[in-house]
Each structure stands twice: as structure tokens, then as C-alpha cells.
């Protein structure tokens, strides 16, 4: 993927970029340490700080093995609420970071 594509997706429209980063964090699981070099590159290419924050919140919260266990323990309804809370919190945190930076 071209480097400029991330600047367009995660950087220019900060609210939309934060939403996209929070959404991309769910299927693109990487451990916290593994996500740091990835985010460094994206930040250098123009990703907003809020988008990076949103991505870093959703990535560890949506590790596939943890999600499987949570779905079994919580049940489908509570599991859906958990995912919605993670997405909402990461979106709000990312927007807050963009306002303060």
C-alpha cells in the first residue's frame, strides 16, 4: 500500500481518520510491541496522533484469542456490548487526543 494512502485515510479528516483507525485495529491485531513500529511509520506518513491512539486502544482490546474467550464467557449480547464500548471509547479517546495535540 502506498505511504500516502495512510496519510489520506488516517490523517487529513481527523474525525474520519480516528474512526477508520479504531475500526482497522479490530481485524489487524498485532501485539502492543509489534504495533509500535507500524504506528511510527504511519505517523511519519501523516497519520494523526488521535488515529494512532484509537488504533492502540483497539488493537490489544480485540486480540482474537481474548475475543473468543470473552464471547464464551459473556454471551453474544454482552460480547457485542463489549465491542461497541471498545470502539466508542477508542473513538472518543482519539478525538480527544486530536483536540489536545
PDB file of N, CA and C in Angstrom:
ATOM      1  N   UNK A   1       0.848  -1.171   0.000  1.00  0.00           N
ATOM      2  CA  UNK A   1       0.000   0.000   0.000  1.00  0.00           C
ATOM      3  C   UNK A   1       0.897   1.239   0.000  1.00  0.00           C
ATOM      4  N   UNK A   2       0.610   2.212  -0.840  1.00  0.00           N
ATOM      5  CA  UNK A   2       1.437   3.418  -0.901  1.00  0.00           C
ATOM      6  C   UNK A   2       1.406   4.187   0.424  1.00  0.00           C
ATOM      7  N   UNK A   3       2.545   4.789   0.755  1.00  0.00           N
ATOM      8  CA  UNK A   3       2.658   5.518   2.026  1.00  0.00           C
ATOM      9  C   UNK A   3       1.647   6.653   2.108  1.00  0.00           C
ATOM     10  N   UNK A   4       1.396   7.334   1.021  1.00  0.00           N
ATOM     11  CA  UNK A   4       0.453   8.442   1.020  1.00  0.00           C
ATOM     12  C   UNK A   4      -0.979   8.022   1.288  1.00  0.00           C
ATOM     13  N   UNK A   5      -1.292   6.764   1.056  1.00  0.00           N
ATOM     14  CA  UNK A   5      -2.650   6.276   1.297  1.00  0.00           C
ATOM     15  C   UNK A   5      -3.010   6.366   2.774  1.00  0.00           C
ATOM     16  N   UNK A   6      -2.049   6.088   3.652  1.00  0.00           N
ATOM     17  CA  UNK A   6      -2.323   6.175   5.086  1.00  0.00           C
ATOM     18  C   UNK A   6      -2.507   7.620   5.520  1.00  0.00           C
ATOM     19  N   UNK A   7      -1.773   8.533   4.913  1.00  0.00           N
ATOM     20  CA  UNK A   7      -1.947   9.949   5.231  1.00  0.00           C
ATOM     21  C   UNK A   7      -3.348  10.402   4.858  1.00  0.00           C
ATOM     22  N   UNK A   8      -3.843   9.939   3.725  1.00  0.00           N
ATOM     23  CA  UNK A   8      -5.188  10.298   3.299  1.00  0.00           C
ATOM     24  C   UNK A   8      -6.247   9.664   4.194  1.00  0.00           C
ATOM     25  N   UNK A   9      -6.051   8.394   4.538  1.00  0.00           N
ATOM     26  CA  UNK A   9      -7.058   7.651   5.293  1.00  0.00           C
ATOM     27  C   UNK A   9      -7.091   8.051   6.762  1.00  0.00           C
ATOM     28  N   UNK A  10      -5.926   8.193   7.397  1.00  0.00           N
ATOM     29  CA  UNK A  10      -5.866   8.410   8.834  1.00  0.00           C
ATOM     30  C   UNK A  10      -5.501   9.826   9.254  1.00  0.00           C
ATOM     31  N   UNK A  11      -5.210  10.710   8.325  1.00  0.00           N
ATOM     32  CA  UNK A  11      -4.668  11.992   8.730  1.00  0.00           C
ATOM     33  C   UNK A  11      -5.463  13.221   8.371  1.00  0.00           C
ATOM     34  N   UNK A  12      -5.912  13.341   7.168  1.00  0.00           N
ATOM     35  CA  UNK A  12      -6.492  14.610   6.710  1.00  0.00           C
ATOM     36  C   UNK A  12      -7.802  14.945   7.401  1.00  0.00           C
ATOM     37  N   UNK A  13      -8.732  14.042   7.386  1.00  0.00           N
ATOM     38  CA  UNK A  13     -10.026  14.259   8.036  1.00  0.00           C
ATOM     39  C   UNK A  13      -9.942  13.575   9.393  1.00  0.00           C
ATOM     40  N   UNK A  14      -9.617  14.352  10.420  1.00  0.00           N
ATOM     41  CA  UNK A  14      -9.242  13.758  11.694  1.00  0.00           C
ATOM     42  C   UNK A  14     -10.338  12.895  12.306  1.00  0.00           C
ATOM     43  N   UNK A  15     -11.580  13.324  12.282  1.00  0.00           N
ATOM     44  CA  UNK A  15     -12.659  12.513  12.849  1.00  0.00           C
ATOM     45  C   UNK A  15     -12.831  11.207  12.095  1.00  0.00           C
ATOM     46  N   UNK A  16     -12.837  11.283  10.786  1.00  0.00           N
ATOM     47  CA  UNK A  16     -12.968  10.076   9.967  1.00  0.00           C
ATOM     48  C   UNK A  16     -11.737   9.194  10.121  1.00  0.00           C
ATOM     49  N   UNK A  17     -10.564   9.804  10.194  1.00  0.00           N
ATOM     50  CA  UNK A  17      -9.331   9.043  10.356  1.00  0.00           C
ATOM     51  C   UNK A  17      -9.299   8.273  11.668  1.00  0.00           C
ATOM     52  N   UNK A  18      -9.784   8.892  12.730  1.00  0.00           N
ATOM     53  CA  UNK A  18      -9.846   8.220  14.031  1.00  0.00           C
ATOM     54  C   UNK A  18     -10.804   7.039  13.957  1.00  0.00           C
ATOM     55  N   UNK A  19     -11.953   7.244  13.340  1.00  0.00           N
ATOM     56  CA  UNK A  19     -12.915   6.154  13.185  1.00  0.00           C
ATOM     57  C   UNK A  19     -12.325   5.003  12.380  1.00  0.00           C
ATOM     58  N   UNK A  20     -11.641   5.327  11.293  1.00  0.00           N
ATOM     59  CA  UNK A  20     -11.038   4.281  10.463  1.00  0.00           C
ATOM     60  C   UNK A  20      -9.926   3.542  11.214  1.00  0.00           C
ATOM     61  N   UNK A  21      -9.123   4.254  11.994  1.00  0.00           N
ATOM     62  CA  UNK A  21      -8.050   3.616  12.757  1.00  0.00           C
ATOM     63  C   UNK A  21      -8.620   2.705  13.832  1.00  0.00           C
ATOM     64  N   UNK A  22      -9.676   3.151  14.505  1.00  0.00           N
ATOM     65  CA  UNK A  22     -10.312   2.315  15.522  1.00  0.00           C
ATOM     66  C   UNK A  22     -10.911   1.065  14.889  1.00  0.00           C
ATOM     67  N   UNK A  23     -11.501   1.228  13.720  1.00  0.00           N
ATOM     68  CA  UNK A  23     -12.092   0.083  13.021  1.00  0.00           C
ATOM     69  C   UNK A  23     -11.014  -0.853  12.504  1.00  0.00           C
ATOM     70  N   UNK A  24      -9.931  -0.312  11.984  1.00  0.00           N
ATOM     71  CA  UNK A  24      -8.851  -1.148  11.447  1.00  0.00           C
ATOM     72  C   UNK A  24      -8.134  -1.908  12.545  1.00  0.00           C
ATOM     73  N   UNK A  25      -8.169  -1.399  13.766  1.00  0.00           N
ATOM     74  CA  UNK A  25      -7.499  -2.079  14.870  1.00  0.00           C
ATOM     75  C   UNK A  25      -8.131  -3.396  15.246  1.00  0.00           C
ATOM     76  N   UNK A  26      -9.391  -3.581  14.921  1.00  0.00           N
ATOM     77  CA  UNK A  26     -10.074  -4.830  15.290  1.00  0.00           C
ATOM     78  C   UNK A  26      -9.552  -6.018  14.478  1.00  0.00           C
ATOM     79  N   UNK A  27      -9.586  -6.003  13.149  1.00  0.00           N
ATOM     80  CA  UNK A  27      -9.108  -7.188  12.429  1.00  0.00           C
ATOM     81  C   UNK A  27      -7.589  -7.260  12.285  1.00  0.00           C
ATOM     82  N   UNK A  28      -6.892  -6.142  12.447  1.00  0.00           N
ATOM     83  CA  UNK A  28      -5.445  -6.127  12.253  1.00  0.00           C
ATOM     84  C   UNK A  28      -4.715  -6.279  13.568  1.00  0.00           C
ATOM     85  N   UNK A  29      -4.994  -7.330  14.294  1.00  0.00           N
ATOM     86  CA  UNK A  29      -4.369  -7.494  15.596  1.00  0.00           C
ATOM     87  C   UNK A  29      -2.865  -7.642  15.459  1.00  0.00           C
ATOM     88  N   UNK A  30      -2.174  -6.899  16.255  1.00  0.00           N
ATOM     89  CA  UNK A  30      -0.734  -7.050  16.445  1.00  0.00           C
ATOM     90  C   UNK A  30      -0.505  -6.780  17.917  1.00  0.00           C
ATOM     91  N   UNK A  31       0.458  -7.430  18.517  1.00  0.00           N
ATOM     92  CA  UNK A  31       0.713  -7.168  19.931  1.00  0.00           C
ATOM     93  C   UNK A  31       1.116  -5.710  20.093  1.00  0.00           C
ATOM     94  N   UNK A  32       0.980  -5.186  21.308  1.00  0.00           N
ATOM     95  CA  UNK A  32       1.291  -3.793  21.555  1.00  0.00           C
ATOM     96  C   UNK A  32       2.691  -3.421  21.097  1.00  0.00           C
ATOM     97  N   UNK A  33       3.660  -4.273  21.389  1.00  0.00           N
ATOM     98  CA  UNK A  33       5.031  -4.001  20.969  1.00  0.00           C
ATOM     99  C   UNK A  33       5.202  -4.066  19.469  1.00  0.00           C
ATOM    100  N   UNK A  34       4.457  -4.939  18.814  1.00  0.00           N
ATOM    101  CA  UNK A  34       4.546  -5.059  17.364  1.00  0.00           C
ATOM    102  C   UNK A  34       3.857  -3.925  16.637  1.00  0.00           C
ATOM    103  N   UNK A  35       2.899  -3.290  17.293  1.00  0.00           N
ATOM    104  CA  UNK A  35       2.173  -2.196  16.655  1.00  0.00           C
ATOM    105  C   UNK A  35       2.961  -0.889  16.684  1.00  0.00           C
ATOM    106  N   UNK A  36       3.920  -0.771  17.589  1.00  0.00           N
ATOM    107  CA  UNK A  36       4.663   0.482  17.727  1.00  0.00           C
ATOM    108  C   UNK A  36       5.453   0.833  16.466  1.00  0.00           C
ATOM    109  N   UNK A  37       6.258  -0.074  15.888  1.00  0.00           N
ATOM    110  CA  UNK A  37       6.964   0.284  14.653  1.00  0.00           C
ATOM    111  C   UNK A  37       6.008   0.584  13.502  1.00  0.00           C
ATOM    112  N   UNK A  38       4.913  -0.137  13.461  1.00  0.00           N
ATOM    113  CA  UNK A  38       3.898   0.107  12.435  1.00  0.00           C
ATOM    114  C   UNK A  38       3.345   1.521  12.575  1.00  0.00           C
ATOM    115  N   UNK A  39       3.005   1.902  13.792  1.00  0.00           N
ATOM    116  CA  UNK A  39       2.465   3.239  14.029  1.00  0.00           C
ATOM    117  C   UNK A  39       3.507   4.328  13.796  1.00  0.00           C
ATOM    118  N   UNK A  40       4.763   4.067  14.111  1.00  0.00           N
ATOM    119  CA  UNK A  40       5.810   5.051  13.847  1.00  0.00           C
ATOM    120  C   UNK A  40       5.876   5.377  12.360  1.00  0.00           C
ATOM    121  N   UNK A  41       5.797   4.350  11.539  1.00  0.00           N
ATOM    122  CA  UNK A  41       5.795   4.568  10.090  1.00  0.00           C
ATOM    123  C   UNK A  41       4.569   5.323   9.633  1.00  0.00           C
ATOM    124  N   UNK A  42       3.406   4.951  10.156  1.00  0.00           N
ATOM    125  CA  UNK A  42       2.179   5.635   9.774  1.00  0.00           C
ATOM    126  C   UNK A  42       2.171   7.086  10.232  1.00  0.00           C
ATOM    127  N   UNK A  43       2.678   7.341  11.442  1.00  0.00           N
ATOM    128  CA  UNK A  43       2.754   8.722  11.930  1.00  0.00           C
ATOM    129  C   UNK A  43       3.691   9.550  11.059  1.00  0.00           C
ATOM    130  N   UNK A  44       4.796   8.955  10.636  1.00  0.00           N
ATOM    131  CA  UNK A  44       5.729   9.657   9.742  1.00  0.00           C
ATOM    132  C   UNK A  44       5.085   9.950   8.394  1.00  0.00           C
ATOM    133  N   UNK A  45       4.146   9.104   7.978  1.00  0.00           N
ATOM    134  CA  UNK A  45       3.467   9.299   6.700  1.00  0.00           C
ATOM    135  C   UNK A  45       2.271  10.239   6.791  1.00  0.00           C
ATOM    136  N   UNK A  46       1.933  10.701   8.004  1.00  0.00           N
ATOM    137  CA  UNK A  46       0.855  11.682   8.129  1.00  0.00           C
ATOM    138  C   UNK A  46      -0.340  11.257   8.954  1.00  0.00           C
ATOM    139  N   UNK A  47      -0.271  10.123   9.612  1.00  0.00           N
ATOM    140  CA  UNK A  47      -1.373   9.694  10.471  1.00  0.00           C
ATOM    141  C   UNK A  47      -1.484  10.664  11.645  1.00  0.00           C
ATOM    142  N   UNK A  48      -2.701  11.021  12.039  1.00  0.00           N
ATOM    143  CA  UNK A  48      -2.878  11.924  13.176  1.00  0.00           C
ATOM    144  C   UNK A  48      -2.610  11.184  14.479  1.00  0.00           C
ATOM    145  N   UNK A  49      -2.245  11.937  15.515  1.00  0.00           N
ATOM    146  CA  UNK A  49      -1.965  11.339  16.826  1.00  0.00           C
ATOM    147  C   UNK A  49      -3.214  10.677  17.401  1.00  0.00           C
ATOM    148  N   UNK A  50      -4.372  11.267  17.155  1.00  0.00           N
ATOM    149  CA  UNK A  50      -5.626  10.682  17.641  1.00  0.00           C
ATOM    150  C   UNK A  50      -5.936   9.350  16.978  1.00  0.00           C
ATOM    151  N   UNK A  51      -5.642   9.252  15.695  1.00  0.00           N
ATOM    152  CA  UNK A  51      -5.848   7.982  14.986  1.00  0.00           C
ATOM    153  C   UNK A  51      -4.923   6.913  15.557  1.00  0.00           C
ATOM    154  N   UNK A  52      -3.685   7.283  15.861  1.00  0.00           N
ATOM    155  CA  UNK A  52      -2.740   6.341  16.450  1.00  0.00           C
ATOM    156  C   UNK A  52      -3.217   5.892  17.824  1.00  0.00           C
ATOM    157  N   UNK A  53      -3.745   6.817  18.609  1.00  0.00           N
ATOM    158  CA  UNK A  53      -4.261   6.470  19.934  1.00  0.00           C
ATOM    159  C   UNK A  53      -5.445   5.506  19.822  1.00  0.00           C
ATOM    160  N   UNK A  54      -6.345   5.785  18.900  1.00  0.00           N
ATOM    161  CA  UNK A  54      -7.506   4.914  18.716  1.00  0.00           C
ATOM    162  C   UNK A  54      -7.074   3.512  18.289  1.00  0.00           C
ATOM    163  N   UNK A  55      -6.103   3.445  17.401  1.00  0.00           N
ATOM    164  CA  UNK A  55      -5.595   2.155  16.942  1.00  0.00           C
ATOM    165  C   UNK A  55      -4.965   1.388  18.104  1.00  0.00           C
ATOM    166  N   UNK A  56      -4.172   2.089  18.929  1.00  0.00           N
ATOM    167  CA  UNK A  56      -3.502   1.422  20.041  1.00  0.00           C
ATOM    168  C   UNK A  56      -4.471   0.966  21.125  1.00  0.00           C
ATOM    169  N   UNK A  57      -5.633   1.560  21.216  1.00  0.00           N
ATOM    170  CA  UNK A  57      -6.629   1.104  22.183  1.00  0.00           C
ATOM    171  C   UNK A  57      -7.347  -0.137  21.661  1.00  0.00           C
ATOM    172  N   UNK A  58      -7.725  -0.138  20.390  1.00  0.00           N
ATOM    173  CA  UNK A  58      -8.485  -1.275  19.863  1.00  0.00           C
ATOM    174  C   UNK A  58      -7.637  -2.512  19.642  1.00  0.00           C
ATOM    175  N   UNK A  59      -6.358  -2.329  19.309  1.00  0.00           N
ATOM    176  CA  UNK A  59      -5.517  -3.486  18.974  1.00  0.00           C
ATOM    177  C   UNK A  59      -5.424  -4.488  20.130  1.00  0.00           C
ATOM    178  N   UNK A  60      -4.982  -4.109  21.325  1.00  0.00           N
ATOM    179  CA  UNK A  60      -4.894  -5.122  22.384  1.00  0.00           C
ATOM    180  C   UNK A  60      -6.254  -5.536  22.937  1.00  0.00           C
ATOM    181  N   UNK A  61      -7.246  -4.656  22.833  1.00  0.00           N
ATOM    182  CA  UNK A  61      -8.569  -4.983  23.363  1.00  0.00           C
ATOM    183  C   UNK A  61      -9.311  -5.978  22.492  1.00  0.00           C
ATOM    184  N   UNK A  62      -8.821  -6.197  21.276  1.00  0.00           N
ATOM    185  CA  UNK A  62      -9.526  -7.096  20.356  1.00  0.00           C
ATOM    186  C   UNK A  62      -8.645  -8.241  19.882  1.00  0.00           C
ATOM    187  N   UNK A  63      -7.742  -8.677  20.721  1.00  0.00           N
ATOM    188  CA  UNK A  63      -6.925  -9.849  20.392  1.00  0.00           C
ATOM    189  C   UNK A  63      -7.864 -11.032  20.185  1.00  0.00           C
ATOM    190  N   UNK A  64      -7.673 -11.751  19.112  1.00  0.00           N
ATOM    191  CA  UNK A  64      -8.632 -12.778  18.691  1.00  0.00           C
ATOM    192  C   UNK A  64      -8.832 -13.869  19.750  1.00  0.00           C
ATOM    193  N   UNK A  65      -7.772 -14.271  20.426  1.00  0.00           N
ATOM    194  CA  UNK A  65      -7.951 -15.308  21.456  1.00  0.00           C
ATOM    195  C   UNK A  65      -8.752 -14.772  22.636  1.00  0.00           C
ATOM    196  N   UNK A  66      -8.507 -13.526  23.012  1.00  0.00           N
ATOM    197  CA  UNK A  66      -9.280 -12.928  24.098  1.00  0.00           C
ATOM    198  C   UNK A  66     -10.742 -12.751  23.704  1.00  0.00           C
ATOM    199  N   UNK A  67     -10.970 -12.368  22.458  1.00  0.00           N
ATOM    200  CA  UNK A  67     -12.350 -12.196  21.997  1.00  0.00           C
ATOM    201  C   UNK A  67     -13.112 -13.512  22.030  1.00  0.00           C
ATOM    202  N   UNK A  68     -12.437 -14.591  21.640  1.00  0.00           N
ATOM    203  CA  UNK A  68     -13.094 -15.897  21.684  1.00  0.00           C
ATOM    204  C   UNK A  68     -13.492 -16.279  23.092  1.00  0.00           C
ATOM    205  N   UNK A  69     -12.602 -16.059  24.040  1.00  0.00           N
ATOM    206  CA  UNK A  69     -12.911 -16.375  25.440  1.00  0.00           C
ATOM    207  C   UNK A  69     -14.013 -15.467  25.975  1.00  0.00           C
ATOM    208  N   UNK A  70     -13.946 -14.183  25.637  1.00  0.00           N
ATOM    209  CA  UNK A  70     -14.974 -13.251  26.099  1.00  0.00           C
ATOM    210  C   UNK A  70     -16.354 -13.606  25.566  1.00  0.00           C
ATOM    211  N   UNK A  71     -16.419 -14.034  24.316  1.00  0.00           N
ATOM    212  CA  UNK A  71     -17.716 -14.394  23.739  1.00  0.00           C
ATOM    213  C   UNK A  71     -18.320 -15.599  24.460  1.00  0.00           C
ATOM    214  N   UNK A  72     -17.464 -16.561  24.807  1.00  0.00           N
ATOM    215  CA  UNK A  72     -17.954 -17.739  25.519  1.00  0.00           C
ATOM    216  C   UNK A  72     -18.426 -17.361  26.919  1.00  0.00           C
ATOM    217  N   UNK A  73     -17.647 -16.566  27.614  1.00  0.00           N
ATOM    218  CA  UNK A  73     -17.959 -16.210  28.998  1.00  0.00           C
ATOM    219  C   UNK A  73     -19.125 -15.220  29.084  1.00  0.00           C
ATOM    220  N   UNK A  74     -19.112 -14.194  28.240  1.00  0.00           N
ATOM    221  CA  UNK A  74     -20.113 -13.138  28.328  1.00  0.00           C
ATOM    222  C   UNK A  74     -21.424 -13.454  27.613  1.00  0.00           C
ATOM    223  N   UNK A  75     -21.362 -14.259  26.585  1.00  0.00           N
ATOM    224  CA  UNK A  75     -22.541 -14.482  25.760  1.00  0.00           C
ATOM    225  C   UNK A  75     -22.577 -13.454  24.643  1.00  0.00           C
ATOM    226  N   UNK A  76     -23.389 -13.723  23.627  1.00  0.00           N
ATOM    227  CA  UNK A  76     -23.394 -12.860  22.442  1.00  0.00           C
ATOM    228  C   UNK A  76     -23.796 -11.407  22.710  1.00  0.00           C
ATOM    229  N   UNK A  77     -24.785 -11.187  23.551  1.00  0.00           N
ATOM    230  CA  UNK A  77     -25.274  -9.819  23.782  1.00  0.00           C
ATOM    231  C   UNK A  77     -24.223  -8.981  24.509  1.00  0.00           C
ATOM    232  N   UNK A  78     -23.692  -9.496  25.593  1.00  0.00           N
ATOM    233  CA  UNK A  78     -22.683  -8.765  26.350  1.00  0.00           C
ATOM    234  C   UNK A  78     -21.386  -8.617  25.547  1.00  0.00           C
ATOM    235  N   UNK A  79     -21.076  -9.610  24.739  1.00  0.00           N
ATOM    236  CA  UNK A  79     -19.904  -9.536  23.883  1.00  0.00           C
ATOM    237  C   UNK A  79     -20.051  -8.401  22.876  1.00  0.00           C
ATOM    238  N   UNK A  80     -21.219  -8.253  22.298  1.00  0.00           N
ATOM    239  CA  UNK A  80     -21.479  -7.150  21.361  1.00  0.00           C
ATOM    240  C   UNK A  80     -21.358  -5.805  22.068  1.00  0.00           C
ATOM    241  N   UNK A  81     -21.841  -5.736  23.299  1.00  0.00           N
ATOM    242  CA  UNK A  81     -21.710  -4.504  24.070  1.00  0.00           C
ATOM    243  C   UNK A  81     -20.242  -4.193  24.363  1.00  0.00           C
ATOM    244  N   UNK A  82     -19.447  -5.212  24.644  1.00  0.00           N
ATOM    245  CA  UNK A  82     -18.018  -5.027  24.874  1.00  0.00           C
ATOM    246  C   UNK A  82     -17.358  -4.430  23.635  1.00  0.00           C
ATOM    247  N   UNK A  83     -17.626  -5.007  22.470  1.00  0.00           N
ATOM    248  CA  UNK A  83     -17.042  -4.485  21.232  1.00  0.00           C
ATOM    249  C   UNK A  83     -17.485  -3.045  20.965  1.00  0.00           C
ATOM    250  N   UNK A  84     -18.755  -2.773  21.210  1.00  0.00           N
ATOM    251  CA  UNK A  84     -19.263  -1.412  20.999  1.00  0.00           C
ATOM    252  C   UNK A  84     -18.577  -0.434  21.954  1.00  0.00           C
ATOM    253  N   UNK A  85     -18.379  -0.840  23.209  1.00  0.00           N
ATOM    254  CA  UNK A  85     -17.715   0.017  24.176  1.00  0.00           C
ATOM    255  C   UNK A  85     -16.262   0.281  23.766  1.00  0.00           C
ATOM    256  N   UNK A  86     -15.558  -0.749  23.340  1.00  0.00           N
ATOM    257  CA  UNK A  86     -14.165  -0.583  22.915  1.00  0.00           C
ATOM    258  C   UNK A  86     -14.100   0.390  21.742  1.00  0.00           C
ATOM    259  N   UNK A  87     -14.965   0.230  20.768  1.00  0.00           N
ATOM    260  CA  UNK A  87     -14.963   1.118  19.609  1.00  0.00           C
ATOM    261  C   UNK A  87     -15.307   2.551  20.013  1.00  0.00           C
ATOM    262  N   UNK A  88     -16.333   2.714  20.837  1.00  0.00           N
ATOM    263  CA  UNK A  88     -16.748   4.052  21.261  1.00  0.00           C
ATOM    264  C   UNK A  88     -15.654   4.726  22.081  1.00  0.00           C
ATOM    265  N   UNK A  89     -15.079   4.000  23.042  1.00  0.00           N
ATOM    266  CA  UNK A  89     -14.028   4.571  23.876  1.00  0.00           C
ATOM    267  C   UNK A  89     -12.810   4.948  23.044  1.00  0.00           C
ATOM    268  N   UNK A  90     -12.414   4.098  22.125  1.00  0.00           N
ATOM    269  CA  UNK A  90     -11.244   4.413  21.311  1.00  0.00           C
ATOM    270  C   UNK A  90     -11.518   5.612  20.404  1.00  0.00           C
ATOM    271  N   UNK A  91     -12.716   5.706  19.878  1.00  0.00           N
ATOM    272  CA  UNK A  91     -13.082   6.849  19.041  1.00  0.00           C
ATOM    273  C   UNK A  91     -13.040   8.142  19.852  1.00  0.00           C
ATOM    274  N   UNK A  92     -13.646   8.130  21.034  1.00  0.00           N
ATOM    275  CA  UNK A  92     -13.648   9.325  21.876  1.00  0.00           C
ATOM    276  C   UNK A  92     -12.246   9.695  22.337  1.00  0.00           C
ATOM    277  N   UNK A  93     -11.449   8.710  22.705  1.00  0.00           N
ATOM    278  CA  UNK A  93     -10.074   8.981  23.130  1.00  0.00           C
ATOM    279  C   UNK A  93      -9.256   9.564  21.980  1.00  0.00           C
ATOM    280  N   UNK A  94      -9.426   9.025  20.791  1.00  0.00           N
ATOM    281  CA  UNK A  94      -8.710   9.545  19.632  1.00  0.00           C
ATOM    282  C   UNK A  94      -9.100  10.968  19.294  1.00  0.00           C
ATOM    283  N   UNK A  95     -10.386  11.263  19.371  1.00  0.00           N
ATOM    284  CA  UNK A  95     -10.845  12.632  19.108  1.00  0.00           C
ATOM    285  C   UNK A  95     -10.317  13.591  20.172  1.00  0.00           C
ATOM    286  N   UNK A  96     -10.275  13.139  21.424  1.00  0.00           N
ATOM    287  CA  UNK A  96      -9.739  13.963  22.499  1.00  0.00           C
ATOM    288  C   UNK A  96      -8.241  14.240  22.293  1.00  0.00           C
ATOM    289  N   UNK A  97      -7.509  13.219  21.883  1.00  0.00           N
ATOM    290  CA  UNK A  97      -6.080  13.420  21.610  1.00  0.00           C
ATOM    291  C   UNK A  97      -5.900  14.420  20.478  1.00  0.00           C
ATOM    292  N   UNK A  98      -6.695  14.317  19.442  1.00  0.00           N
ATOM    293  CA  UNK A  98      -6.580  15.267  18.325  1.00  0.00           C
ATOM    294  C   UNK A  98      -6.908  16.692  18.766  1.00  0.00           C
ATOM    295  N   UNK A  99      -7.809  16.848  19.720  1.00  0.00           N
ATOM    296  CA  UNK A  99      -8.140  18.191  20.204  1.00  0.00           C
ATOM    297  C   UNK A  99      -7.022  18.791  21.043  1.00  0.00           C
ATOM    298  N   UNK A 100      -6.281  17.942  21.749  1.00  0.00           N
ATOM    299  CA  UNK A 100      -5.252  18.451  22.666  1.00  0.00           C
ATOM    300  C   UNK A 100      -3.888  18.565  22.019  1.00  0.00           C
ATOM    301  N   UNK A 101      -3.675  17.927  20.878  1.00  0.00           N
ATOM    302  CA  UNK A 101      -2.355  17.973  20.237  1.00  0.00           C
ATOM    303  C   UNK A 101      -2.287  19.119  19.269  1.00  0.00           C
TER     304      UNK A 101
END
